[in-house]
Amino acid sequence: MLEASLSQLEKLVSDLVQHNQELQNTNARLTEELKQARDDNDSLQLSLMEQEEKQGATAARIQALVDRATSVSAVDA
């Protein structure tokens, strides 16, 4: 009986060690995926800021053209 219990305990410990290794591997993979997601997020935020900057500059140029066109129309009238 003691021998059977000891065998069961060895099997359980072996299973726990294997499960722990699997969890560590999963944790390492998820940590790497999280790092990649954060890097992607940083890149996307930077890209968004650049696009907003370009959009603001374009809007300012369009407004300047509209103002110019309006002032020319007012002078011609």
PDB file of N, CA and C in Angstrom:
ATOM      1  N   MET A   1       0.828  -1.197   0.000  1.00  0.00           N
ATOM      2  CA  MET A   1       0.000   0.000   0.000  1.00  0.00           C
ATOM      3  C   MET A   1       0.871   1.259   0.000  1.00  0.00           C
ATOM      4  N   LEU A   2       1.891   1.262   0.823  1.00  0.00           N
ATOM      5  CA  LEU A   2       2.794   2.421   0.880  1.00  0.00           C
ATOM      6  C   LEU A   2       3.495   2.615  -0.460  1.00  0.00           C
ATOM      7  N   GLU A   3       3.876   1.513  -1.081  1.00  0.00           N
ATOM      8  CA  GLU A   3       4.540   1.587  -2.387  1.00  0.00           C
ATOM      9  C   GLU A   3       3.607   2.180  -3.437  1.00  0.00           C
ATOM     10  N   ALA A   4       2.336   1.812  -3.408  1.00  0.00           N
ATOM     11  CA  ALA A   4       1.345   2.332  -4.363  1.00  0.00           C
ATOM     12  C   ALA A   4       1.139   3.832  -4.132  1.00  0.00           C
ATOM     13  N   SER A   5       1.056   4.229  -2.872  1.00  0.00           N
ATOM     14  CA  SER A   5       0.885   5.651  -2.551  1.00  0.00           C
ATOM     15  C   SER A   5       2.091   6.456  -3.002  1.00  0.00           C
ATOM     16  N   LEU A   6       3.268   5.885  -2.783  1.00  0.00           N
ATOM     17  CA  LEU A   6       4.488   6.565  -3.207  1.00  0.00           C
ATOM     18  C   LEU A   6       4.525   6.699  -4.728  1.00  0.00           C
ATOM     19  N   SER A   7       4.113   5.680  -5.449  1.00  0.00           N
ATOM     20  CA  SER A   7       4.054   5.748  -6.917  1.00  0.00           C
ATOM     21  C   SER A   7       3.064   6.803  -7.383  1.00  0.00           C
ATOM     22  N   GLN A   8       1.919   6.844  -6.714  1.00  0.00           N
ATOM     23  CA  GLN A   8       0.915   7.858  -7.069  1.00  0.00           C
ATOM     24  C   GLN A   8       1.452   9.262  -6.808  1.00  0.00           C
ATOM     25  N   LEU A   9       2.133   9.425  -5.693  1.00  0.00           N
ATOM     26  CA  LEU A   9       2.715  10.721  -5.347  1.00  0.00           C
ATOM     27  C   LEU A   9       3.773  11.129  -6.367  1.00  0.00           C
ATOM     28  N   GLU A  10       4.617  10.199  -6.773  1.00  0.00           N
ATOM     29  CA  GLU A  10       5.620  10.494  -7.798  1.00  0.00           C
ATOM     30  C   GLU A  10       4.960  10.924  -9.098  1.00  0.00           C
ATOM     31  N   LYS A  11       3.880  10.223  -9.476  1.00  0.00           N
ATOM     32  CA  LYS A  11       3.160  10.569 -10.715  1.00  0.00           C
ATOM     33  C   LYS A  11       2.557  11.966 -10.601  1.00  0.00           C
ATOM     34  N   LEU A  12       1.934  12.246  -9.455  1.00  0.00           N
ATOM     35  CA  LEU A  12       1.337  13.572  -9.256  1.00  0.00           C
ATOM     36  C   LEU A  12       2.390  14.674  -9.312  1.00  0.00           C
ATOM     37  N   VAL A  13       3.514  14.454  -8.661  1.00  0.00           N
ATOM     38  CA  VAL A  13       4.594  15.444  -8.681  1.00  0.00           C
ATOM     39  C   VAL A  13       5.102  15.627 -10.107  1.00  0.00           C
ATOM     40  N   SER A  14       5.266  14.536 -10.815  1.00  0.00           N
ATOM     41  CA  SER A  14       5.720  14.610 -12.204  1.00  0.00           C
ATOM     42  C   SER A  14       4.719  15.398 -13.059  1.00  0.00           C
ATOM     43  N   ASP A  15       3.426  15.114 -12.861  1.00  0.00           N
ATOM     44  CA  ASP A  15       2.387  15.842 -13.601  1.00  0.00           C
ATOM     45  C   ASP A  15       2.402  17.332 -13.256  1.00  0.00           C
ATOM     46  N   LEU A  16       2.583  17.636 -11.975  1.00  0.00           N
ATOM     47  CA  LEU A  16       2.634  19.039 -11.551  1.00  0.00           C
ATOM     48  C   LEU A  16       3.848  19.761 -12.135  1.00  0.00           C
ATOM     49  N   VAL A  17       4.979  19.100 -12.154  1.00  0.00           N
ATOM     50  CA  VAL A  17       6.188  19.696 -12.729  1.00  0.00           C
ATOM     51  C   VAL A  17       5.973  19.960 -14.215  1.00  0.00           C
ATOM     52  N   GLN A  18       5.371  18.999 -14.906  1.00  0.00           N
ATOM     53  CA  GLN A  18       5.104  19.171 -16.334  1.00  0.00           C
ATOM     54  C   GLN A  18       4.112  20.313 -16.568  1.00  0.00           C
ATOM     55  N   HIS A  19       3.058  20.364 -15.752  1.00  0.00           N
ATOM     56  CA  HIS A  19       2.059  21.430 -15.891  1.00  0.00           C
ATOM     57  C   HIS A  19       2.689  22.793 -15.597  1.00  0.00           C
ATOM     58  N   ASN A  20       3.550  22.838 -14.590  1.00  0.00           N
ATOM     59  CA  ASN A  20       4.239  24.085 -14.263  1.00  0.00           C
ATOM     60  C   ASN A  20       5.099  24.560 -15.439  1.00  0.00           C
ATOM     61  N   GLN A  21       5.792  23.626 -16.080  1.00  0.00           N
ATOM     62  CA  GLN A  21       6.621  23.980 -17.238  1.00  0.00           C
ATOM     63  C   GLN A  21       5.761  24.522 -18.376  1.00  0.00           C
ATOM     64  N   GLU A  22       4.617  23.882 -18.595  1.00  0.00           N
ATOM     65  CA  GLU A  22       3.703  24.352 -19.643  1.00  0.00           C
ATOM     66  C   GLU A  22       3.205  25.762 -19.326  1.00  0.00           C
ATOM     67  N   LEU A  23       2.871  25.996 -18.060  1.00  0.00           N
ATOM     68  CA  LEU A  23       2.412  27.332 -17.654  1.00  0.00           C
ATOM     69  C   LEU A  23       3.518  28.376 -17.817  1.00  0.00           C
ATOM     70  N   GLN A  24       4.744  28.011 -17.490  1.00  0.00           N
ATOM     71  CA  GLN A  24       5.859  28.942 -17.668  1.00  0.00           C
ATOM     72  C   GLN A  24       6.064  29.269 -19.149  1.00  0.00           C
ATOM     73  N   ASN A  25       5.944  28.248 -19.996  1.00  0.00           N
ATOM     74  CA  ASN A  25       6.075  28.480 -21.438  1.00  0.00           C
ATOM     75  C   ASN A  25       4.959  29.385 -21.954  1.00  0.00           C
ATOM     76  N   THR A  26       3.736  29.128 -21.490  1.00  0.00           N
ATOM     77  CA  THR A  26       2.604  29.958 -21.886  1.00  0.00           C
ATOM     78  C   THR A  26       2.802  31.391 -21.405  1.00  0.00           C
ATOM     79  N   ASN A  27       3.264  31.536 -20.175  1.00  0.00           N
ATOM     80  CA  ASN A  27       3.516  32.860 -19.622  1.00  0.00           C
ATOM     81  C   ASN A  27       4.571  33.610 -20.439  1.00  0.00           C
ATOM     82  N   ALA A  28       5.634  32.926 -20.814  1.00  0.00           N
ATOM     83  CA  ALA A  28       6.694  33.555 -21.613  1.00  0.00           C
ATOM     84  C   ALA A  28       6.151  33.981 -22.976  1.00  0.00           C
ATOM     85  N   ARG A  29       5.328  33.113 -23.588  1.00  0.00           N
ATOM     86  CA  ARG A  29       4.748  33.445 -24.885  1.00  0.00           C
ATOM     87  C   ARG A  29       3.810  34.647 -24.772  1.00  0.00           C
ATOM     88  N   LEU A  30       2.974  34.644 -23.742  1.00  0.00           N
ATOM     89  CA  LEU A  30       2.047  35.757 -23.548  1.00  0.00           C
ATOM     90  C   LEU A  30       2.780  37.058 -23.232  1.00  0.00           C
ATOM     91  N   THR A  31       3.863  36.959 -22.479  1.00  0.00           N
ATOM     92  CA  THR A  31       4.666  38.149 -22.182  1.00  0.00           C
ATOM     93  C   THR A  31       5.242  38.736 -23.471  1.00  0.00           C
ATOM     94  N   GLU A  32       5.713  37.868 -24.351  1.00  0.00           N
ATOM     95  CA  GLU A  32       6.254  38.333 -25.634  1.00  0.00           C
ATOM     96  C   GLU A  32       5.148  38.931 -26.511  1.00  0.00           C
ATOM     97  N   GLU A  33       3.978  38.290 -26.514  1.00  0.00           N
ATOM     98  CA  GLU A  33       2.857  38.826 -27.292  1.00  0.00           C
ATOM     99  C   GLU A  33       2.418  40.186 -26.753  1.00  0.00           C
ATOM    100  N   LEU A  34       2.413  40.326 -25.431  1.00  0.00           N
ATOM    101  CA  LEU A  34       2.055  41.606 -24.820  1.00  0.00           C
ATOM    102  C   LEU A  34       3.059  42.689 -25.208  1.00  0.00           C
ATOM    103  N   LYS A  35       4.334  42.347 -25.187  1.00  0.00           N
ATOM    104  CA  LYS A  35       5.369  43.311 -25.592  1.00  0.00           C
ATOM    105  C   LYS A  35       5.155  43.736 -27.037  1.00  0.00           C
ATOM    106  N   GLN A  36       4.873  42.769 -27.906  1.00  0.00           N
ATOM    107  CA  GLN A  36       4.630  43.078 -29.316  1.00  0.00           C
ATOM    108  C   GLN A  36       3.391  43.956 -29.479  1.00  0.00           C
ATOM    109  N   ALA A  37       2.335  43.649 -28.731  1.00  0.00           N
ATOM    110  CA  ALA A  37       1.107  44.437 -28.805  1.00  0.00           C
ATOM    111  C   ALA A  37       1.362  45.870 -28.331  1.00  0.00           C
ATOM    112  N   ARG A  38       2.167  46.016 -27.289  1.00  0.00           N
ATOM    113  CA  ARG A  38       2.489  47.367 -26.800  1.00  0.00           C
ATOM    114  C   ARG A  38       3.321  48.130 -27.830  1.00  0.00           C
ATOM    115  N   ASP A  39       4.264  47.439 -28.446  1.00  0.00           N
ATOM    116  CA  ASP A  39       5.069  48.076 -29.488  1.00  0.00           C
ATOM    117  C   ASP A  39       4.185  48.497 -30.660  1.00  0.00           C
ATOM    118  N   ASP A  40       3.271  47.615 -31.060  1.00  0.00           N
ATOM    119  CA  ASP A  40       2.342  47.935 -32.152  1.00  0.00           C
ATOM    120  C   ASP A  40       1.469  49.122 -31.775  1.00  0.00           C
ATOM    121  N   ASN A  41       0.996  49.139 -30.536  1.00  0.00           N
ATOM    122  CA  ASN A  41       0.161  50.235 -30.067  1.00  0.00           C
ATOM    123  C   ASN A  41       0.927  51.553 -30.105  1.00  0.00           C
ATOM    124  N   ASP A  42       2.175  51.535 -29.645  1.00  0.00           N
ATOM    125  CA  ASP A  42       3.000  52.750 -29.678  1.00  0.00           C
ATOM    126  C   ASP A  42       3.183  53.244 -31.114  1.00  0.00           C
ATOM    127  N   SER A  43       3.434  52.319 -32.031  1.00  0.00           N
ATOM    128  CA  SER A  43       3.607  52.684 -33.442  1.00  0.00           C
ATOM    129  C   SER A  43       2.328  53.283 -34.015  1.00  0.00           C
ATOM    130  N   LEU A  44       1.200  52.662 -33.688  1.00  0.00           N
ATOM    131  CA  LEU A  44      -0.081  53.166 -34.186  1.00  0.00           C
ATOM    132  C   LEU A  44      -0.397  54.545 -33.617  1.00  0.00           C
ATOM    133  N   GLN A  45      -0.089  54.756 -32.343  1.00  0.00           N
ATOM    134  CA  GLN A  45      -0.331  56.071 -31.745  1.00  0.00           C
ATOM    135  C   GLN A  45       0.544  57.134 -32.391  1.00  0.00           C
ATOM    136  N   LEU A  46       1.790  56.794 -32.644  1.00  0.00           N
ATOM    137  CA  LEU A  46       2.689  57.735 -33.314  1.00  0.00           C
ATOM    138  C   LEU A  46       2.188  58.041 -34.712  1.00  0.00           C
ATOM    139  N   SER A  47       1.763  57.018 -35.422  1.00  0.00           N
ATOM    140  CA  SER A  47       1.233  57.202 -36.768  1.00  0.00           C
ATOM    141  C   SER A  47      -0.020  58.084 -36.734  1.00  0.00           C
ATOM    142  N   LEU A  48      -0.885  57.847 -35.761  1.00  0.00           N
ATOM    143  CA  LEU A  48      -2.092  58.658 -35.630  1.00  0.00           C
ATOM    144  C   LEU A  48      -1.742  60.120 -35.374  1.00  0.00           C
ATOM    145  N   MET A  49      -0.772  60.364 -34.501  1.00  0.00           N
ATOM    146  CA  MET A  49      -0.365  61.738 -34.221  1.00  0.00           C
ATOM    147  C   MET A  49       0.189  62.405 -35.484  1.00  0.00           C
ATOM    148  N   GLU A  50       0.966  61.658 -36.263  1.00  0.00           N
ATOM    149  CA  GLU A  50       1.509  62.208 -37.503  1.00  0.00           C
ATOM    150  C   GLU A  50       0.390  62.521 -38.489  1.00  0.00           C
ATOM    151  N   GLN A  51      -0.598  61.626 -38.586  1.00  0.00           N
ATOM    152  CA  GLN A  51      -1.725  61.855 -39.491  1.00  0.00           C
ATOM    153  C   GLN A  51      -2.550  63.065 -39.048  1.00  0.00           C
ATOM    154  N   GLU A  52      -2.755  63.202 -37.739  1.00  0.00           N
ATOM    155  CA  GLU A  52      -3.497  64.357 -37.225  1.00  0.00           C
ATOM    156  C   GLU A  52      -2.748  65.648 -37.530  1.00  0.00           C
ATOM    157  N   GLU A  53      -1.422  65.610 -37.415  1.00  0.00           N
ATOM    158  CA  GLU A  53      -0.599  66.775 -37.715  1.00  0.00           C
ATOM    159  C   GLU A  53      -0.747  67.155 -39.196  1.00  0.00           C
ATOM    160  N   LYS A  54      -0.653  66.137 -40.072  1.00  0.00           N
ATOM    161  CA  LYS A  54      -0.801  66.390 -41.509  1.00  0.00           C
ATOM    162  C   LYS A  54      -2.197  66.902 -41.832  1.00  0.00           C
ATOM    163  N   GLN A  55      -3.194  66.311 -41.173  1.00  0.00           N
ATOM    164  CA  GLN A  55      -4.576  66.736 -41.413  1.00  0.00           C
ATOM    165  C   GLN A  55      -4.768  68.189 -40.973  1.00  0.00           C
ATOM    166  N   GLY A  56      -4.180  68.550 -39.838  1.00  0.00           N
ATOM    167  CA  GLY A  56      -4.271  69.929 -39.365  1.00  0.00           C
ATOM    168  C   GLY A  56      -3.604  70.894 -40.334  1.00  0.00           C
ATOM    169  N   ALA A  57      -2.446  70.517 -40.861  1.00  0.00           N
ATOM    170  CA  ALA A  57      -1.742  71.365 -41.824  1.00  0.00           C
ATOM    171  C   ALA A  57      -2.553  71.492 -43.112  1.00  0.00           C
ATOM    172  N   THR A  58      -3.146  70.388 -43.549  1.00  0.00           N
ATOM    173  CA  THR A  58      -3.965  70.422 -44.762  1.00  0.00           C
ATOM    174  C   THR A  58      -5.195  71.301 -44.545  1.00  0.00           C
ATOM    175  N   ALA A  59      -5.831  71.167 -43.394  1.00  0.00           N
ATOM    176  CA  ALA A  59      -7.004  71.982 -43.084  1.00  0.00           C
ATOM    177  C   ALA A  59      -6.634  73.470 -43.072  1.00  0.00           C
ATOM    178  N   ALA A  60      -5.470  73.793 -42.521  1.00  0.00           N
ATOM    179  CA  ALA A  60      -5.026  75.189 -42.484  1.00  0.00           C
ATOM    180  C   ALA A  60      -4.783  75.712 -43.900  1.00  0.00           C
ATOM    181  N   ARG A  61      -4.185  74.880 -44.771  1.00  0.00           N
ATOM    182  CA  ARG A  61      -3.950  75.298 -46.158  1.00  0.00           C
ATOM    183  C   ARG A  61      -5.269  75.503 -46.893  1.00  0.00           C
ATOM    184  N   ILE A  62      -6.212  74.599 -46.675  1.00  0.00           N
ATOM    185  CA  ILE A  62      -7.523  74.726 -47.327  1.00  0.00           C
ATOM    186  C   ILE A  62      -8.217  75.990 -46.851  1.00  0.00           C
ATOM    187  N   GLN A  63      -8.156  76.230 -45.537  1.00  0.00           N
ATOM    188  CA  GLN A  63      -8.791  77.435 -44.998  1.00  0.00           C
ATOM    189  C   GLN A  63      -8.141  78.695 -45.572  1.00  0.00           C
ATOM    190  N   ALA A  64      -6.822  78.681 -45.733  1.00  0.00           N
ATOM    191  CA  ALA A  64      -6.128  79.835 -46.317  1.00  0.00           C
ATOM    192  C   ALA A  64      -6.568  80.041 -47.758  1.00  0.00           C
ATOM    193  N   LEU A  65      -6.733  78.959 -48.507  1.00  0.00           N
ATOM    194  CA  LEU A  65      -7.213  79.075 -49.894  1.00  0.00           C
ATOM    195  C   LEU A  65      -8.641  79.603 -49.947  1.00  0.00           C
ATOM    196  N   VAL A  66      -9.486  79.116 -49.046  1.00  0.00           N
ATOM    197  CA  VAL A  66     -10.872  79.601 -48.984  1.00  0.00           C
ATOM    198  C   VAL A  66     -10.885  81.086 -48.638  1.00  0.00           C
ATOM    199  N   ASP A  67     -10.071  81.468 -47.666  1.00  0.00           N
ATOM    200  CA  ASP A  67      -9.996  82.881 -47.286  1.00  0.00           C
ATOM    201  C   ASP A  67      -9.530  83.734 -48.463  1.00  0.00           C
ATOM    202  N   ARG A  68      -8.524  83.223 -49.171  1.00  0.00           N
ATOM    203  CA  ARG A  68      -8.019  83.951 -50.341  1.00  0.00           C
ATOM    204  C   ARG A  68      -9.088  84.076 -51.416  1.00  0.00           C
ATOM    205  N   ALA A  69      -9.775  82.984 -51.674  1.00  0.00           N
ATOM    206  CA  ALA A  69     -10.824  82.989 -52.692  1.00  0.00           C
ATOM    207  C   ALA A  69     -11.947  83.929 -52.283  1.00  0.00           C
ATOM    208  N   THR A  70     -12.279  83.938 -51.010  1.00  0.00           N
ATOM    209  CA  THR A  70     -13.342  84.816 -50.513  1.00  0.00           C
ATOM    210  C   THR A  70     -12.941  86.273 -50.646  1.00  0.00           C
ATOM    211  N   SER A  71     -11.691  86.587 -50.324  1.00  0.00           N
ATOM    212  CA  SER A  71     -11.233  87.972 -50.404  1.00  0.00           C
ATOM    213  C   SER A  71     -11.147  88.431 -51.854  1.00  0.00           C
ATOM    214  N   VAL A  72     -10.763  87.539 -52.765  1.00  0.00           N
ATOM    215  CA  VAL A  72     -10.709  87.883 -54.175  1.00  0.00           C
ATOM    216  C   VAL A  72     -12.124  88.109 -54.710  1.00  0.00           C
ATOM    217  N   SER A  73     -13.064  87.286 -54.293  1.00  0.00           N
ATOM    218  CA  SER A  73     -14.469  87.422 -54.705  1.00  0.00           C
ATOM    219  C   SER A  73     -15.033  88.734 -54.185  1.00  0.00           C
ATOM    220  N   ALA A  74     -14.687  89.122 -52.976  1.00  0.00           N
ATOM    221  CA  ALA A  74     -15.188  90.357 -52.398  1.00  0.00           C
ATOM    222  C   ALA A  74     -14.621  91.561 -53.141  1.00  0.00           C
ATOM    223  N   VAL A  75     -13.375  91.502 -53.554  1.00  0.00           N
ATOM    224  CA  VAL A  75     -12.739  92.600 -54.281  1.00  0.00           C
ATOM    225  C   VAL A  75     -13.361  92.722 -55.674  1.00  0.00           C
ATOM    226  N   ASP A  76     -13.616  91.586 -56.330  1.00  0.00           N
ATOM    227  CA  ASP A  76     -14.197  91.582 -57.670  1.00  0.00           C
ATOM    228  C   ASP A  76     -15.634  92.066 -57.686  1.00  0.00           C
ATOM    229  N   ALA A  77     -16.336  91.936 -56.584  1.00  0.00           N
ATOM    230  CA  ALA A  77     -17.766  92.269 -56.559  1.00  0.00           C
ATOM    231  C   ALA A  77     -18.031  93.730 -56.472  1.00  0.00           C
TER     232      ALA A  77
END
